[in-house]
C-alpha cells in the first residue's frame, strides 16, 4: 500500500461516496453506477483508482464484477494519521515543558 495512492484516491468526492456505499455491503459495478449521474467509463475509472490504491477488492461472479471495501488499507491509513496526531501532540506538550 502506498499512502500517496490512498490519499489521492480519497481526494475525490465520488470515490469517497463509493466507499461509503461499499461500507454497507458488496455491490456490483452496475449497482454502483446507478447511484451516480456519471458515465459507466467514469465510474470504471473511479473503481480502478480505488482498486489501485487497494481501498476496494474485486472478484468476478459470473458475468459481474463484485466490489467490496478493503478495510485493512483504510485501517493502516487511519493508523498512520493517528500516529502523526499522537506524536504531534506529544511534541507540542514537550516543547511547552521545555520552554520552547
N, C-alpha and C. Protein backbone atom coordinates (compact mmCIF):
# COMPACT_ATOMS: atom_id res chain seq x y z
N UNK A 1 0.84 -1.18 0.00
CA UNK A 1 0.00 0.00 0.00
C UNK A 1 0.88 1.24 0.00
N UNK A 2 0.63 2.13 -0.92
CA UNK A 2 1.32 3.41 -0.96
C UNK A 2 0.34 4.47 -0.44
N UNK A 3 0.73 5.13 0.64
CA UNK A 3 -0.17 6.13 1.24
C UNK A 3 -0.53 7.23 0.26
N UNK A 4 0.40 7.60 -0.61
CA UNK A 4 0.10 8.63 -1.61
C UNK A 4 -1.06 8.22 -2.50
N UNK A 5 -1.09 6.94 -2.90
CA UNK A 5 -2.20 6.44 -3.72
C UNK A 5 -3.51 6.47 -2.94
N UNK A 6 -3.43 6.11 -1.67
CA UNK A 6 -4.64 6.10 -0.83
C UNK A 6 -5.21 7.50 -0.71
N UNK A 7 -4.36 8.46 -0.37
CA UNK A 7 -4.85 9.83 -0.18
C UNK A 7 -5.31 10.45 -1.50
N UNK A 8 -4.64 10.12 -2.58
CA UNK A 8 -5.07 10.61 -3.90
C UNK A 8 -6.45 10.04 -4.23
N UNK A 9 -6.66 8.77 -3.94
CA UNK A 9 -7.96 8.15 -4.20
C UNK A 9 -9.05 8.77 -3.33
N UNK A 10 -8.71 9.06 -2.08
CA UNK A 10 -9.68 9.64 -1.16
C UNK A 10 -9.99 11.11 -1.43
N UNK A 11 -9.19 11.74 -2.26
CA UNK A 11 -9.37 13.18 -2.52
C UNK A 11 -10.60 13.48 -3.36
N UNK A 12 -11.16 12.48 -4.01
CA UNK A 12 -12.30 12.71 -4.91
C UNK A 12 -13.61 12.37 -4.20
N UNK A 13 -14.59 13.28 -4.24
CA UNK A 13 -15.87 13.04 -3.55
C UNK A 13 -16.64 11.84 -4.11
N UNK A 14 -16.55 11.57 -5.40
CA UNK A 14 -17.24 10.42 -5.98
C UNK A 14 -16.66 9.13 -5.40
N UNK A 15 -15.34 9.06 -5.31
CA UNK A 15 -14.71 7.86 -4.76
C UNK A 15 -15.04 7.70 -3.28
N UNK A 16 -15.10 8.80 -2.54
CA UNK A 16 -15.49 8.70 -1.13
C UNK A 16 -16.93 8.18 -1.01
N UNK A 17 -17.80 8.61 -1.91
CA UNK A 17 -19.19 8.14 -1.89
C UNK A 17 -19.25 6.65 -2.22
N UNK A 18 -18.45 6.20 -3.16
CA UNK A 18 -18.40 4.77 -3.49
C UNK A 18 -17.95 3.98 -2.26
N UNK A 19 -16.96 4.47 -1.54
CA UNK A 19 -16.51 3.78 -0.33
C UNK A 19 -17.61 3.73 0.72
N UNK A 20 -18.36 4.82 0.86
CA UNK A 20 -19.49 4.83 1.81
C UNK A 20 -20.52 3.77 1.41
N UNK A 21 -20.80 3.67 0.12
CA UNK A 21 -21.76 2.68 -0.36
C UNK A 21 -21.26 1.26 -0.05
N UNK A 22 -19.98 1.02 -0.29
CA UNK A 22 -19.42 -0.31 -0.06
C UNK A 22 -19.30 -0.63 1.43
N UNK A 23 -19.31 0.39 2.27
CA UNK A 23 -19.26 0.14 3.71
C UNK A 23 -20.53 -0.55 4.20
N UNK A 24 -21.59 -0.45 3.40
CA UNK A 24 -22.86 -1.10 3.75
C UNK A 24 -22.98 -2.50 3.15
N UNK A 25 -22.03 -2.86 2.28
CA UNK A 25 -22.06 -4.20 1.69
C UNK A 25 -21.50 -4.20 0.27
N UNK A 26 -21.20 -5.39 -0.21
CA UNK A 26 -20.65 -5.55 -1.55
C UNK A 26 -21.67 -5.15 -2.61
N UNK A 27 -21.16 -4.59 -3.71
CA UNK A 27 -22.01 -4.15 -4.82
C UNK A 27 -21.33 -4.50 -6.13
N UNK A 28 -22.14 -4.70 -7.17
CA UNK A 28 -21.55 -4.86 -8.49
C UNK A 28 -21.41 -3.49 -9.15
N UNK A 29 -20.67 -3.45 -10.24
CA UNK A 29 -20.39 -2.18 -10.90
C UNK A 29 -21.66 -1.47 -11.36
N UNK A 30 -22.64 -2.22 -11.82
CA UNK A 30 -23.91 -1.62 -12.26
C UNK A 30 -24.66 -0.96 -11.12
N UNK A 31 -24.66 -1.59 -9.96
CA UNK A 31 -25.31 -1.02 -8.78
C UNK A 31 -24.62 0.27 -8.35
N UNK A 32 -23.31 0.29 -8.43
CA UNK A 32 -22.56 1.49 -8.08
C UNK A 32 -22.86 2.60 -9.09
N UNK A 33 -22.80 2.26 -10.37
CA UNK A 33 -23.04 3.25 -11.43
C UNK A 33 -24.43 3.85 -11.34
N UNK A 34 -25.41 3.05 -10.94
CA UNK A 34 -26.80 3.52 -10.87
C UNK A 34 -26.98 4.65 -9.85
N UNK A 35 -26.07 4.77 -8.91
CA UNK A 35 -26.20 5.80 -7.87
C UNK A 35 -25.64 7.15 -8.31
N UNK A 36 -25.07 7.21 -9.50
CA UNK A 36 -24.42 8.44 -9.97
C UNK A 36 -24.95 8.85 -11.34
N UNK A 37 -24.83 10.12 -11.63
CA UNK A 37 -25.20 10.61 -12.97
C UNK A 37 -23.93 10.77 -13.80
N UNK A 38 -23.08 9.76 -13.74
CA UNK A 38 -21.82 9.75 -14.49
C UNK A 38 -21.87 8.61 -15.50
N UNK A 39 -21.03 8.69 -16.50
CA UNK A 39 -20.97 7.61 -17.48
C UNK A 39 -20.35 6.37 -16.85
N UNK A 40 -20.65 5.21 -17.42
CA UNK A 40 -20.06 3.97 -16.91
C UNK A 40 -18.54 3.98 -17.02
N UNK A 41 -17.96 4.53 -18.10
CA UNK A 41 -16.49 4.62 -18.14
C UNK A 41 -15.92 5.48 -17.01
N UNK A 42 -16.62 6.54 -16.61
CA UNK A 42 -16.15 7.37 -15.49
C UNK A 42 -16.19 6.58 -14.19
N UNK A 43 -17.26 5.84 -13.96
CA UNK A 43 -17.35 5.02 -12.76
C UNK A 43 -16.26 3.95 -12.78
N UNK A 44 -16.03 3.36 -13.94
CA UNK A 44 -14.98 2.36 -14.07
C UNK A 44 -13.62 2.95 -13.71
N UNK A 45 -13.36 4.18 -14.14
CA UNK A 45 -12.11 4.85 -13.81
C UNK A 45 -11.99 5.03 -12.29
N UNK A 46 -13.06 5.47 -11.65
CA UNK A 46 -13.05 5.66 -10.19
C UNK A 46 -12.81 4.32 -9.48
N UNK A 47 -13.47 3.27 -9.95
CA UNK A 47 -13.28 1.96 -9.33
C UNK A 47 -11.85 1.47 -9.51
N UNK A 48 -11.28 1.70 -10.69
CA UNK A 48 -9.88 1.30 -10.92
C UNK A 48 -8.93 2.06 -10.01
N UNK A 49 -9.19 3.34 -9.82
CA UNK A 49 -8.35 4.15 -8.92
C UNK A 49 -8.44 3.60 -7.50
N UNK A 50 -9.63 3.25 -7.06
CA UNK A 50 -9.81 2.68 -5.72
C UNK A 50 -9.14 1.32 -5.60
N UNK A 51 -9.19 0.52 -6.67
CA UNK A 51 -8.52 -0.78 -6.64
C UNK A 51 -7.00 -0.62 -6.61
N UNK A 52 -6.47 0.31 -7.40
CA UNK A 52 -5.03 0.53 -7.41
C UNK A 52 -4.52 1.00 -6.05
N UNK A 53 -5.34 1.76 -5.35
CA UNK A 53 -4.98 2.21 -4.00
C UNK A 53 -5.26 1.12 -2.96
N UNK A 54 -5.80 0.00 -3.41
CA UNK A 54 -6.14 -1.14 -2.56
C UNK A 54 -7.23 -0.83 -1.53
N UNK A 55 -8.05 0.17 -1.84
CA UNK A 55 -9.16 0.51 -0.95
C UNK A 55 -10.37 -0.38 -1.21
N UNK A 56 -10.46 -0.95 -2.40
CA UNK A 56 -11.53 -1.90 -2.71
C UNK A 56 -10.92 -3.15 -3.34
N UNK A 57 -11.63 -4.24 -3.16
CA UNK A 57 -11.27 -5.51 -3.77
C UNK A 57 -12.35 -5.85 -4.78
N UNK A 58 -11.99 -6.59 -5.80
CA UNK A 58 -12.98 -7.01 -6.79
C UNK A 58 -12.85 -8.51 -7.04
N UNK A 59 -13.98 -9.10 -7.36
CA UNK A 59 -13.99 -10.53 -7.70
C UNK A 59 -15.06 -10.75 -8.76
N UNK A 60 -14.79 -11.67 -9.64
CA UNK A 60 -15.74 -11.99 -10.70
C UNK A 60 -16.74 -13.01 -10.16
N UNK A 61 -18.00 -12.72 -10.42
CA UNK A 61 -19.09 -13.64 -10.06
C UNK A 61 -19.96 -13.79 -11.30
N UNK A 62 -19.73 -14.84 -12.05
CA UNK A 62 -20.43 -15.00 -13.32
C UNK A 62 -19.98 -13.90 -14.27
N UNK A 63 -20.93 -13.14 -14.78
CA UNK A 63 -20.62 -12.05 -15.71
C UNK A 63 -20.37 -10.72 -15.00
N UNK A 64 -20.59 -10.68 -13.70
CA UNK A 64 -20.46 -9.43 -12.95
C UNK A 64 -19.14 -9.38 -12.18
N UNK A 65 -18.71 -8.15 -11.93
CA UNK A 65 -17.59 -7.92 -11.03
C UNK A 65 -18.17 -7.32 -9.76
N UNK A 66 -17.88 -7.95 -8.64
CA UNK A 66 -18.38 -7.53 -7.35
C UNK A 66 -17.26 -6.79 -6.62
N UNK A 67 -17.60 -5.63 -6.07
CA UNK A 67 -16.63 -4.81 -5.35
C UNK A 67 -16.94 -4.84 -3.86
N UNK A 68 -15.87 -4.86 -3.06
CA UNK A 68 -16.03 -4.82 -1.61
C UNK A 68 -14.97 -3.90 -1.02
N UNK A 69 -15.28 -3.36 0.13
CA UNK A 69 -14.38 -2.46 0.83
C UNK A 69 -13.22 -3.27 1.41
N UNK A 70 -12.00 -2.76 1.24
CA UNK A 70 -10.81 -3.40 1.81
C UNK A 70 -10.43 -2.61 3.06
N UNK A 71 -10.97 -3.01 4.17
CA UNK A 71 -10.84 -2.22 5.39
C UNK A 71 -9.42 -2.19 5.94
N UNK A 72 -8.61 -3.20 5.63
CA UNK A 72 -7.24 -3.23 6.15
C UNK A 72 -6.47 -2.00 5.72
N UNK A 73 -6.58 -1.61 4.47
CA UNK A 73 -5.85 -0.44 3.97
C UNK A 73 -6.36 0.83 4.63
N UNK A 74 -7.65 0.95 4.80
CA UNK A 74 -8.20 2.11 5.49
C UNK A 74 -7.70 2.17 6.93
N UNK A 75 -7.65 1.03 7.60
CA UNK A 75 -7.15 0.99 8.97
C UNK A 75 -5.69 1.42 9.03
N UNK A 76 -4.88 0.97 8.07
CA UNK A 76 -3.47 1.35 8.05
C UNK A 76 -3.32 2.85 7.82
N UNK A 77 -4.09 3.41 6.90
CA UNK A 77 -4.00 4.85 6.61
C UNK A 77 -4.46 5.66 7.83
N UNK A 78 -5.54 5.23 8.46
CA UNK A 78 -6.01 5.93 9.66
C UNK A 78 -5.00 5.80 10.80
N UNK A 79 -4.41 4.62 10.92
CA UNK A 79 -3.39 4.42 11.94
C UNK A 79 -2.22 5.36 11.75
N UNK A 80 -1.80 5.54 10.50
CA UNK A 80 -0.72 6.48 10.19
C UNK A 80 -1.12 7.89 10.62
N UNK A 81 -2.35 8.28 10.31
CA UNK A 81 -2.82 9.62 10.68
C UNK A 81 -2.86 9.81 12.19
N UNK A 82 -3.35 8.79 12.90
CA UNK A 82 -3.40 8.88 14.36
C UNK A 82 -2.00 8.95 14.96
N UNK A 83 -1.05 8.22 14.37
CA UNK A 83 0.34 8.29 14.84
C UNK A 83 0.88 9.71 14.71
N UNK A 84 0.61 10.33 13.58
CA UNK A 84 1.06 11.71 13.35
C UNK A 84 0.44 12.63 14.41
N UNK A 85 -0.86 12.48 14.63
CA UNK A 85 -1.53 13.32 15.63
C UNK A 85 -0.97 13.08 17.03
N UNK A 86 -0.79 11.82 17.37
CA UNK A 86 -0.30 11.49 18.71
C UNK A 86 1.11 12.04 18.92
N UNK A 87 1.99 11.87 17.94
CA UNK A 87 3.35 12.38 18.06
C UNK A 87 3.38 13.90 18.02
N UNK A 88 2.52 14.49 17.21
CA UNK A 88 2.44 15.95 17.16
C UNK A 88 1.99 16.55 18.47
N UNK A 89 1.00 15.92 19.09
CA UNK A 89 0.52 16.41 20.39
C UNK A 89 1.58 16.22 21.47
N UNK A 90 2.25 15.07 21.45
CA UNK A 90 3.30 14.82 22.45
C UNK A 90 4.44 15.81 22.27
N UNK A 91 4.78 16.08 21.01
CA UNK A 91 5.85 17.05 20.73
C UNK A 91 5.47 18.44 21.18
N UNK A 92 4.22 18.82 20.97
CA UNK A 92 3.76 20.15 21.38
C UNK A 92 3.79 20.28 22.89
N UNK A 93 3.37 19.22 23.58
CA UNK A 93 3.40 19.25 25.05
C UNK A 93 4.84 19.28 25.54
N UNK A 94 5.71 18.54 24.89
CA UNK A 94 7.13 18.53 25.28
C UNK A 94 7.79 19.86 25.05
N UNK A 95 7.46 20.51 23.94
CA UNK A 95 8.04 21.84 23.67
C UNK A 95 7.61 22.85 24.72
N UNK A 96 6.35 22.75 25.13
CA UNK A 96 5.84 23.70 26.13
C UNK A 96 6.54 23.51 27.45
N UNK A 97 6.83 22.25 27.82
CA UNK A 97 7.53 21.99 29.08
C UNK A 97 8.97 22.50 29.04
N UNK A 98 9.59 22.36 27.87
CA UNK A 98 10.99 22.78 27.74
C UNK A 98 11.15 24.28 27.57
N UNK A 99 10.03 24.97 27.49
CA UNK A 99 10.07 26.40 27.32
C UNK A 99 10.39 26.85 25.91
N UNK A 100 10.20 25.95 24.93
CA UNK A 100 10.50 26.30 23.52
C UNK A 100 9.34 26.99 22.89
